[in-house]
Structures are given as C-alpha cells and as structure tokens.
Amino acid sequence: MNRDQATQIIRQYFESWVKKDMEMFRSVLHDKAIVRECNGTVIEGRDELTNWFTQWNGNDNKVEYWTIKSVGFDEVVNTAFVEWIFKCVYDAQEYEWEGSSIVYFRNSLLYELNEYEMKREKFYPYRKTI
C-alpha cells in the first residue's frame, strides 16, 4: 500500500458519509474495523459500523462536507495521518469543526480510524522574560 492508495480509501470513507452511500462505506472497511470518534464513541466490526452508519444517517441528519486538508502516510506501518474539516446537521443542530485522524490499514482496507477534534485557541506568542 502507498500514500495514493491510502488517500483514496480515506477519501471514499469521507465521501460515503456525504453521499449517504452504504455500499461505498462498507467497501473500504475491514471485517474487524474499529472507529473511535472524537467524542469517545467506539464502534467495532463491519456489521456494527453498518448499523451505526444507518442510524446516524436516519431522519434529517446530513454530513454537509468532510474535506481533507492534508494526508501523511507511513508505508512501513501502513498508517495515514489526516487533517480535515467537517460540517454536519445532526438532530436539527449544525456542527462544524476541524480534526485529525490516525488511520491504520490491513489488507488495503480501513482497519482502525481514531478521530481527534482540533480546537482553536487564541495564540499568544512566546515571550522571554529576563
């Protein structure tokens, strides 16, 4: 597996949420895939992930966009590091944030995805005191 292949799998995973495309979603998941969301939720196994995807996308919930900002890839351990911007409507509330993920692959499929929310804080330049 290389960076381009990893990026394509991640892109398909993100796009499946935007398009609400179950077939695309399932096609990139390893049978024993694990997703750890930034809110602490952990979903394990393709069947449980499929149930989660179906439930999340029910009603009027929608991912407006999930845009990749950058991807790094380590070919030795088949691991990608992704920065992204996410926006959705969930339970009639709009949410938007930036985040990052560490994505592990097995057999050229998404095996483990760990999400992290990135919060912006006011930047204070370092000041040296004498």
C-alpha atoms as a PDB file:
ATOM      1  CA  MET A   1       0.000   0.000   0.000  1.00  0.00           C
ATOM      2  CA  ASN A   2       1.198   3.521  -0.739  1.00  0.00           C
ATOM      3  CA  ARG A   3       0.111   7.081   0.076  1.00  0.00           C
ATOM      4  CA  ASP A   4      -2.120   7.395  -3.014  1.00  0.00           C
ATOM      5  CA  GLN A   5      -3.993   4.174  -2.186  1.00  0.00           C
ATOM      6  CA  ALA A   6      -4.408   5.199   1.451  1.00  0.00           C
ATOM      7  CA  THR A   7      -5.662   8.647   0.433  1.00  0.00           C
ATOM      8  CA  GLN A   8      -8.195   7.077  -1.946  1.00  0.00           C
ATOM      9  CA  ILE A   9      -9.601   4.811   0.785  1.00  0.00           C
ATOM     10  CA  ILE A  10      -9.875   7.730   3.211  1.00  0.00           C
ATOM     11  CA  ARG A  11     -11.481   9.891   0.534  1.00  0.00           C
ATOM     12  CA  GLN A  12     -14.048   7.149  -0.182  1.00  0.00           C
ATOM     13  CA  TYR A  13     -14.800   6.754   3.536  1.00  0.00           C
ATOM     14  CA  PHE A  14     -15.390  10.515   3.951  1.00  0.00           C
ATOM     15  CA  GLU A  15     -17.359  10.735   0.698  1.00  0.00           C
ATOM     16  CA  SER A  16     -19.607   7.822   1.718  1.00  0.00           C
ATOM     17  CA  TRP A  17     -20.808   9.943   4.650  1.00  0.00           C
ATOM     18  CA  VAL A  18     -21.516  12.969   2.460  1.00  0.00           C
ATOM     19  CA  LYS A  19     -23.370  10.855  -0.121  1.00  0.00           C
ATOM     20  CA  LYS A  20     -25.008   8.554   2.464  1.00  0.00           C
ATOM     21  CA  ASP A  21     -23.652   5.712   0.325  1.00  0.00           C
ATOM     22  CA  MET A  22     -23.749   2.447   2.284  1.00  0.00           C
ATOM     23  CA  GLU A  23     -22.088   0.402  -0.451  1.00  0.00           C
ATOM     24  CA  MET A  24     -19.148   2.812  -0.636  1.00  0.00           C
ATOM     25  CA  PHE A  25     -18.921   2.884   3.171  1.00  0.00           C
ATOM     26  CA  ARG A  26     -18.801  -0.904   3.525  1.00  0.00           C
ATOM     27  CA  SER A  27     -16.414  -1.340   0.591  1.00  0.00           C
ATOM     28  CA  VAL A  28     -13.498   0.337   2.399  1.00  0.00           C
ATOM     29  CA  LEU A  29     -13.943  -1.365   5.797  1.00  0.00           C
ATOM     30  CA  HIS A  30     -12.063  -4.404   7.058  1.00  0.00           C
ATOM     31  CA  ASP A  31     -14.368  -7.007   8.671  1.00  0.00           C
ATOM     32  CA  LYS A  32     -12.870  -6.177  12.086  1.00  0.00           C
ATOM     33  CA  ALA A  33     -12.655  -2.402  11.571  1.00  0.00           C
ATOM     34  CA  ILE A  34     -12.775  -0.100  14.586  1.00  0.00           C
ATOM     35  CA  VAL A  35     -13.773   3.573  14.614  1.00  0.00           C
ATOM     36  CA  ARG A  36     -13.092   5.741  17.646  1.00  0.00           C
ATOM     37  CA  GLU A  37     -14.887   9.068  17.344  1.00  0.00           C
ATOM     38  CA  CYS A  38     -13.516  12.220  18.944  1.00  0.00           C
ATOM     39  CA  ASN A  39     -16.492  12.224  21.364  1.00  0.00           C
ATOM     40  CA  GLY A  40     -15.403   8.875  22.844  1.00  0.00           C
ATOM     41  CA  THR A  41     -17.778   6.583  20.957  1.00  0.00           C
ATOM     42  CA  VAL A  42     -16.147   3.318  19.832  1.00  0.00           C
ATOM     43  CA  ILE A  43     -17.752   1.153  17.131  1.00  0.00           C
ATOM     44  CA  GLU A  44     -16.245  -2.246  16.329  1.00  0.00           C
ATOM     45  CA  GLY A  45     -16.763  -4.594  13.402  1.00  0.00           C
ATOM     46  CA  ARG A  46     -18.194  -4.011   9.938  1.00  0.00           C
ATOM     47  CA  ASP A  47     -21.735  -5.040  10.984  1.00  0.00           C
ATOM     48  CA  GLU A  48     -21.826  -2.650  13.955  1.00  0.00           C
ATOM     49  CA  LEU A  49     -20.320   0.102  11.819  1.00  0.00           C
ATOM     50  CA  THR A  50     -23.030  -0.531   9.220  1.00  0.00           C
ATOM     51  CA  ASN A  51     -25.741  -0.213  11.905  1.00  0.00           C
ATOM     52  CA  TRP A  52     -24.142   2.997  13.199  1.00  0.00           C
ATOM     53  CA  PHE A  53     -23.928   4.449   9.674  1.00  0.00           C
ATOM     54  CA  THR A  54     -27.599   3.601   9.027  1.00  0.00           C
ATOM     55  CA  GLN A  55     -28.807   5.056  12.333  1.00  0.00           C
ATOM     56  CA  TRP A  56     -26.671   8.191  12.086  1.00  0.00           C
ATOM     57  CA  ASN A  57     -27.895   8.906   8.565  1.00  0.00           C
ATOM     58  CA  GLY A  58     -31.538   8.440   9.528  1.00  0.00           C
ATOM     59  CA  ASN A  59     -34.026  11.265   9.760  1.00  0.00           C
ATOM     60  CA  ASP A  60     -32.666  14.582   8.505  1.00  0.00           C
ATOM     61  CA  ASN A  61     -29.063  14.085   9.661  1.00  0.00           C
ATOM     62  CA  LYS A  62     -26.547  15.003   6.985  1.00  0.00           C
ATOM     63  CA  VAL A  63     -22.831  15.469   6.548  1.00  0.00           C
ATOM     64  CA  GLU A  64     -22.550  18.702   4.571  1.00  0.00           C
ATOM     65  CA  TYR A  65     -18.857  18.197   3.870  1.00  0.00           C
ATOM     66  CA  TRP A  66     -15.832  16.345   5.157  1.00  0.00           C
ATOM     67  CA  THR A  67     -12.859  17.914   3.427  1.00  0.00           C
ATOM     68  CA  ILE A  68      -9.324  16.570   3.556  1.00  0.00           C
ATOM     69  CA  LYS A  69      -6.723  19.275   4.181  1.00  0.00           C
ATOM     70  CA  SER A  70      -3.630  17.055   4.183  1.00  0.00           C
ATOM     71  CA  VAL A  71      -2.543  13.416   4.337  1.00  0.00           C
ATOM     72  CA  GLY A  72       0.704  11.926   5.540  1.00  0.00           C
ATOM     73  CA  PHE A  73       1.496   8.241   5.157  1.00  0.00           C
ATOM     74  CA  ASP A  74       3.958   5.814   6.735  1.00  0.00           C
ATOM     75  CA  GLU A  75       4.474   2.861   4.375  1.00  0.00           C
ATOM     76  CA  VAL A  76       6.311   0.800   6.996  1.00  0.00           C
ATOM     77  CA  VAL A  77       3.294   0.556   9.315  1.00  0.00           C
ATOM     78  CA  ASN A  78       0.526   1.271   6.744  1.00  0.00           C
ATOM     79  CA  THR A  79      -0.711   4.250   8.699  1.00  0.00           C
ATOM     80  CA  ALA A  80      -2.100   7.580   7.488  1.00  0.00           C
ATOM     81  CA  PHE A  81      -2.337  10.887   9.330  1.00  0.00           C
ATOM     82  CA  VAL A  82      -5.156  13.098   8.079  1.00  0.00           C
ATOM     83  CA  GLU A  83      -6.227  16.679   8.817  1.00  0.00           C
ATOM     84  CA  TRP A  84      -9.780  17.592   7.826  1.00  0.00           C
ATOM     85  CA  ILE A  85     -12.709  19.985   8.138  1.00  0.00           C
ATOM     86  CA  PHE A  86     -16.134  18.557   8.958  1.00  0.00           C
ATOM     87  CA  LYS A  87     -19.626  20.048   8.893  1.00  0.00           C
ATOM     88  CA  CYS A  88     -22.920  18.284   9.573  1.00  0.00           C
ATOM     89  CA  VAL A  89     -26.503  18.680  10.671  1.00  0.00           C
ATOM     90  CA  TYR A  90     -27.421  16.238  13.436  1.00  0.00           C
ATOM     91  CA  ASP A  91     -30.715  16.253  15.348  1.00  0.00           C
ATOM     92  CA  ALA A  92     -31.524  19.631  13.722  1.00  0.00           C
ATOM     93  CA  GLN A  93     -28.302  21.182  15.095  1.00  0.00           C
ATOM     94  CA  GLU A  94     -25.464  22.365  12.875  1.00  0.00           C
ATOM     95  CA  TYR A  95     -21.907  21.422  13.836  1.00  0.00           C
ATOM     96  CA  GLU A  96     -18.590  22.314  12.254  1.00  0.00           C
ATOM     97  CA  TRP A  97     -15.033  21.644  13.374  1.00  0.00           C
ATOM     98  CA  GLU A  98     -11.538  20.793  12.274  1.00  0.00           C
ATOM     99  CA  GLY A  99      -9.999  17.500  13.205  1.00  0.00           C
ATOM    100  CA  SER A 100      -7.383  14.928  12.503  1.00  0.00           C
ATOM    101  CA  SER A 101      -7.365  11.163  12.269  1.00  0.00           C
ATOM    102  CA  ILE A 102      -4.876   8.376  12.500  1.00  0.00           C
ATOM    103  CA  VAL A 103      -5.918   5.628  10.094  1.00  0.00           C
ATOM    104  CA  TYR A 104      -4.478   2.112  10.175  1.00  0.00           C
ATOM    105  CA  PHE A 105      -4.883  -0.260   7.232  1.00  0.00           C
ATOM    106  CA  ARG A 106      -4.959  -4.028   6.917  1.00  0.00           C
ATOM    107  CA  ASN A 107      -5.283  -5.881   3.606  1.00  0.00           C
ATOM    108  CA  SER A 108      -5.654  -2.497   1.846  1.00  0.00           C
ATOM    109  CA  LEU A 109      -8.796  -1.719   3.862  1.00  0.00           C
ATOM    110  CA  LEU A 110      -9.534   0.692   6.684  1.00  0.00           C
ATOM    111  CA  TYR A 111      -8.809  -1.281   9.848  1.00  0.00           C
ATOM    112  CA  GLU A 112      -8.769   1.384  12.554  1.00  0.00           C
ATOM    113  CA  LEU A 113      -9.700   5.063  12.494  1.00  0.00           C
ATOM    114  CA  ASN A 114      -9.084   7.288  15.508  1.00  0.00           C
ATOM    115  CA  GLU A 115     -10.541  10.800  15.305  1.00  0.00           C
ATOM    116  CA  TYR A 116      -9.367  13.861  17.211  1.00  0.00           C
ATOM    117  CA  GLU A 117     -11.059  17.245  17.335  1.00  0.00           C
ATOM    118  CA  MET A 118      -8.718  20.216  16.950  1.00  0.00           C
ATOM    119  CA  LYS A 119      -9.771  23.242  18.958  1.00  0.00           C
ATOM    120  CA  ARG A 120      -8.612  26.734  18.140  1.00  0.00           C
ATOM    121  CA  GLU A 121      -7.408  28.890  20.962  1.00  0.00           C
ATOM    122  CA  LYS A 122      -6.102  32.404  20.910  1.00  0.00           C
ATOM    123  CA  PHE A 123      -2.387  32.335  20.159  1.00  0.00           C
ATOM    124  CA  TYR A 124      -0.058  34.127  22.497  1.00  0.00           C
ATOM    125  CA  PRO A 125       3.487  34.422  21.177  1.00  0.00           C
ATOM    126  CA  TYR A 126       6.205  33.184  23.428  1.00  0.00           C
ATOM    127  CA  ARG A 127       7.767  35.991  25.402  1.00  0.00           C
ATOM    128  CA  LYS A 128      11.088  35.523  27.028  1.00  0.00           C
ATOM    129  CA  THR A 129      11.484  37.137  30.401  1.00  0.00           C
ATOM    130  CA  ILE A 130      14.822  38.284  31.700  1.00  0.00           C
END
